[in-house]
Amino acid sequence: DHAIVATFYDQARRHGIRHIVSGVNFRTEGIHVRAWSQGHVDPYYVAGVYRRMTGRRLRAFPLIPMPRLINAIVLDRPRSIYLLDCIDYDKAAAKRLLAEQFGWVDYGGKHYESVYTRFYQGYILPVKFGYDKRRMHLSALVMSGQTTRESALAELATPPYDADLAAADRVFVAKKLGITVDEFDAIMRLPPKTYADYPNLQNHALLGPLMKLYRVLKKRNS
């Protein structure tokens, strides 16, 4: 995620792009648990994890320079335009339209579009960290009237995805990471760490207060 965002802002600067059309929307993605989603746009965190794990500096990986991150977060430059927030967006209706008119096939869950993201979302997060992000996604749908609380609770009572598929994905992911399944399981058994255990913007002496001010101003203007 960080590399995608860093490359995007770099290209926006190079080509003088002043506005971004975004598919992010409040109705289906407006509920967040802060502890569950941190660090993906934080260059200090990304570089800090890499240095802690390897003992080396992160060089050949796109990082967001601090002035560009401040422009993006605090000044909203380039400005994001959230088109789906301007209409009565219905997620289920959108999925039906995609399937009927374009042959789209539902891949089974939010962020299940690849084996790794499916395994990360449906296995690593709930098993190691106790984070079931379906709680956030379903809460947003309940709040926007696109599902009921009872339906959401019934879905949460089921496993994130099929156990046999999860077992196969575990083997696949371990192989892609270049480790054995036993090594992967050993990592999963280690005590979980958080964003706060590594260098990050919030703990930065100069930028931490700026981030706090931004959150206060954003809450006041929302």
Protein backbone atom coordinates (compact mmCIF):
# COMPACT_ATOMS: atom_id res chain seq x y z
CA ASP A 1 0.00 0.00 0.00
CA HIS A 2 2.77 2.44 0.86
CA ALA A 3 4.56 1.92 -2.45
CA ILE A 4 1.32 2.46 -4.37
CA VAL A 5 0.54 5.71 -2.53
CA ALA A 6 4.15 6.94 -2.76
CA THR A 7 4.31 6.30 -6.50
CA PHE A 8 0.92 7.91 -7.02
CA TYR A 9 1.88 11.15 -5.27
CA ASP A 10 5.21 11.21 -7.09
CA GLN A 11 3.44 10.97 -10.45
CA ALA A 12 0.89 13.59 -9.38
CA ARG A 13 3.77 15.98 -8.62
CA ARG A 14 5.58 15.19 -11.88
CA HIS A 15 2.51 15.77 -14.03
CA GLY A 16 0.93 18.63 -12.09
CA ILE A 17 -2.18 16.65 -11.10
CA ARG A 18 -4.31 18.73 -8.73
CA HIS A 19 -7.31 16.44 -8.17
CA ILE A 20 -7.75 12.73 -7.46
CA VAL A 21 -10.94 10.83 -8.27
CA SER A 22 -11.22 8.23 -5.50
CA GLY A 23 -13.39 5.13 -5.14
CA VAL A 24 -13.22 5.28 -1.34
CA ASN A 25 -16.64 5.91 0.15
CA PHE A 26 -18.16 6.53 3.57
CA ARG A 27 -21.22 4.29 3.23
CA THR A 28 -19.29 1.02 2.99
CA GLU A 29 -15.87 2.01 4.40
CA GLY A 30 -16.60 4.73 6.93
CA ILE A 31 -16.07 2.70 10.11
CA HIS A 32 -12.49 2.16 11.28
CA VAL A 33 -10.70 0.82 14.33
CA ARG A 34 -7.52 2.87 14.45
CA ALA A 35 -5.38 0.13 15.99
CA TRP A 36 -6.29 -2.22 13.13
CA SER A 37 -5.15 0.01 10.27
CA GLN A 38 -1.99 2.00 10.92
CA GLY A 39 1.35 2.51 9.25
CA HIS A 40 0.56 2.01 5.60
CA VAL A 41 1.24 5.67 4.72
CA ASP A 42 3.91 6.23 7.40
CA PRO A 43 7.44 6.28 5.89
CA TYR A 44 9.09 6.21 9.33
CA TYR A 45 7.20 3.06 10.24
CA VAL A 46 7.86 1.25 6.95
CA ALA A 47 11.57 2.09 7.04
CA GLY A 48 11.75 1.35 10.77
CA VAL A 49 10.31 -2.15 10.44
CA TYR A 50 12.72 -2.93 7.60
CA ARG A 51 15.75 -1.70 9.55
CA ARG A 52 14.69 -3.59 12.69
CA MET A 53 14.28 -6.85 10.74
CA THR A 54 17.32 -6.58 8.44
CA GLY A 55 19.78 -4.16 10.04
CA ARG A 56 19.90 -2.25 6.74
CA ARG A 57 18.41 0.96 5.38
CA LEU A 58 15.48 0.71 3.00
CA ARG A 59 16.71 2.04 -0.33
CA ALA A 60 15.03 0.46 -3.37
CA PHE A 61 11.45 0.97 -2.20
CA PRO A 62 9.21 3.99 -2.89
CA LEU A 63 8.75 6.03 0.29
CA ILE A 64 6.63 9.17 0.65
CA PRO A 65 8.90 12.17 1.36
CA MET A 66 7.77 14.07 4.41
CA PRO A 67 6.87 17.36 2.64
CA ARG A 68 4.68 15.38 0.23
CA LEU A 69 2.98 13.51 3.08
CA ILE A 70 2.23 16.81 4.87
CA ASN A 71 0.77 18.24 1.65
CA ALA A 72 -1.37 15.14 1.17
CA ILE A 73 -2.65 14.75 4.75
CA VAL A 74 -2.76 18.27 6.16
CA LEU A 75 -3.27 20.46 3.10
CA ASP A 76 -5.18 17.88 1.00
CA ARG A 77 -2.97 18.44 -2.05
CA PRO A 78 -3.72 17.05 -4.54
CA ARG A 79 -7.36 17.22 -3.52
CA SER A 80 -9.31 13.97 -3.30
CA ILE A 81 -12.78 13.86 -4.88
CA TYR A 82 -14.92 11.05 -3.44
CA LEU A 83 -17.48 10.54 -6.21
CA LEU A 84 -19.34 7.69 -4.51
CA ASP A 85 -20.14 9.93 -1.55
CA CYS A 86 -22.03 12.21 -3.94
CA ILE A 87 -24.57 9.52 -4.89
CA ASP A 88 -26.78 7.05 -3.07
CA TYR A 89 -24.17 4.30 -3.39
CA ASP A 90 -25.46 0.76 -2.87
CA LYS A 91 -22.71 -1.85 -2.70
CA ALA A 92 -24.92 -4.87 -3.45
CA ALA A 93 -26.50 -3.12 -6.45
CA ALA A 94 -23.06 -2.17 -7.76
CA LYS A 95 -21.89 -5.79 -7.51
CA ARG A 96 -25.00 -6.99 -9.37
CA LEU A 97 -24.41 -4.47 -12.14
CA LEU A 98 -20.76 -5.55 -12.52
CA ALA A 99 -21.74 -9.22 -12.65
CA GLU A 100 -24.62 -8.77 -15.10
CA GLN A 101 -23.06 -6.28 -17.49
CA PHE A 102 -19.34 -7.08 -17.29
CA GLY A 103 -19.14 -10.72 -16.18
CA TRP A 104 -17.46 -9.83 -12.89
CA VAL A 105 -17.15 -12.74 -10.44
CA ASP A 106 -17.28 -12.06 -6.71
CA TYR A 107 -14.05 -13.27 -5.09
CA GLY A 108 -15.67 -13.93 -1.72
CA GLY A 109 -14.80 -11.06 0.57
CA LYS A 110 -13.40 -7.57 0.93
CA HIS A 111 -9.68 -7.63 0.04
CA TYR A 112 -9.89 -11.27 -1.09
CA GLU A 113 -8.80 -10.31 -4.61
CA SER A 114 -5.45 -12.13 -4.28
CA VAL A 115 -4.28 -15.18 -2.33
CA TYR A 116 -2.05 -13.12 -0.05
CA THR A 117 -4.56 -10.38 0.77
CA ARG A 118 -7.21 -13.05 1.37
CA PHE A 119 -4.91 -14.96 3.71
CA TYR A 120 -3.71 -11.83 5.48
CA GLN A 121 -7.24 -10.54 6.03
CA GLY A 122 -8.91 -13.86 6.77
CA TYR A 123 -6.18 -15.72 8.69
CA ILE A 124 -3.16 -13.70 9.83
CA LEU A 125 -5.09 -10.75 11.28
CA PRO A 126 -7.73 -12.70 13.23
CA VAL A 127 -5.49 -15.60 14.32
CA LYS A 128 -2.39 -13.68 15.39
CA PHE A 129 -3.83 -10.28 16.31
CA GLY A 130 -7.49 -10.92 17.01
CA TYR A 131 -8.55 -8.42 14.33
CA ASP A 132 -11.58 -9.46 12.28
CA LYS A 133 -11.96 -6.56 9.86
CA ARG A 134 -15.37 -7.82 8.83
CA ARG A 135 -16.60 -6.11 12.01
CA MET A 136 -15.62 -2.72 10.56
CA HIS A 137 -16.92 -3.40 7.07
CA LEU A 138 -20.24 -4.82 8.25
CA SER A 139 -20.68 -2.01 10.78
CA ALA A 140 -20.44 0.51 7.94
CA LEU A 141 -23.10 -1.38 5.98
CA VAL A 142 -25.37 -1.50 9.04
CA MET A 143 -24.94 2.23 9.64
CA SER A 144 -25.76 3.03 6.01
CA GLY A 145 -28.82 0.77 6.02
CA GLN A 146 -27.39 -1.68 3.48
CA THR A 147 -27.65 -4.64 5.84
CA THR A 148 -29.17 -5.40 9.22
CA ARG A 149 -27.40 -5.92 12.52
CA GLU A 150 -28.79 -9.46 12.69
CA SER A 151 -27.42 -10.33 9.23
CA ALA A 152 -24.05 -8.85 10.14
CA LEU A 153 -23.84 -10.86 13.37
CA ALA A 154 -24.80 -14.02 11.49
CA GLU A 155 -21.97 -13.44 9.02
CA LEU A 156 -19.49 -12.76 11.82
CA ALA A 157 -20.48 -16.08 13.40
CA THR A 158 -19.03 -17.88 10.34
CA PRO A 159 -15.30 -18.37 9.66
CA PRO A 160 -13.67 -15.66 7.49
CA TYR A 161 -13.30 -18.24 4.71
CA ASP A 162 -13.27 -21.95 3.97
CA ALA A 163 -10.90 -23.92 6.24
CA ASP A 164 -9.56 -26.12 3.42
CA LEU A 165 -8.83 -23.06 1.28
CA ALA A 166 -7.14 -21.35 4.24
CA ALA A 167 -4.91 -24.42 4.74
CA ALA A 168 -3.91 -24.39 1.07
CA ASP A 169 -3.29 -20.64 1.18
CA ARG A 170 -1.06 -21.12 4.24
CA VAL A 171 1.23 -23.43 2.25
CA PHE A 172 1.21 -21.07 -0.74
CA VAL A 173 2.01 -17.96 1.32
CA ALA A 174 4.85 -19.67 3.24
CA LYS A 175 6.39 -20.73 -0.06
CA LYS A 176 6.10 -17.21 -1.48
CA LEU A 177 7.74 -15.81 1.67
CA GLY A 178 10.62 -18.27 1.26
CA ILE A 179 10.04 -20.06 4.56
CA THR A 180 8.67 -23.42 5.62
CA VAL A 181 5.16 -23.86 7.00
CA ASP A 182 6.71 -24.71 10.39
CA GLU A 183 8.67 -21.44 10.34
CA PHE A 184 5.52 -19.56 9.43
CA ASP A 185 3.61 -21.20 12.30
CA ALA A 186 6.45 -20.31 14.69
CA ILE A 187 6.15 -16.65 13.65
CA MET A 188 2.41 -16.78 14.19
CA ARG A 189 2.96 -18.03 17.74
CA LEU A 190 5.24 -15.13 18.70
CA PRO A 191 3.70 -12.38 20.84
CA PRO A 192 1.99 -9.87 18.51
CA LYS A 193 3.50 -6.43 18.10
CA THR A 194 1.81 -3.20 17.12
CA TYR A 195 2.49 -0.02 15.18
CA ALA A 196 3.68 1.56 18.44
CA ASP A 197 6.55 -0.94 18.79
CA TYR A 198 8.41 0.64 15.85
CA PRO A 199 9.48 4.18 14.86
CA ASN A 200 6.43 6.05 13.62
CA LEU A 201 5.05 9.49 12.86
CA GLN A 202 3.01 9.73 16.04
CA ASN A 203 6.13 9.30 18.20
CA HIS A 204 8.26 11.64 16.08
CA ALA A 205 9.29 14.68 18.14
CA LEU A 206 8.34 17.22 15.45
CA LEU A 207 5.65 15.47 13.47
CA GLY A 208 3.72 13.86 16.32
CA PRO A 209 2.16 17.17 17.49
CA LEU A 210 1.37 18.05 13.86
CA MET A 211 -0.52 14.76 13.39
CA LYS A 212 -2.49 15.39 16.62
CA LEU A 213 -3.41 18.89 15.42
CA TYR A 214 -4.52 17.49 12.07
CA ARG A 215 -6.84 14.96 13.74
CA VAL A 216 -8.39 17.68 15.92
CA LEU A 217 -8.99 19.96 12.93
CA LYS A 218 -10.36 17.12 10.82
CA LYS A 219 -12.81 16.10 13.56
CA ARG A 220 -13.91 19.71 14.02
CA ASN A 221 -14.55 20.15 10.27
CA SER A 222 -16.26 16.80 9.71
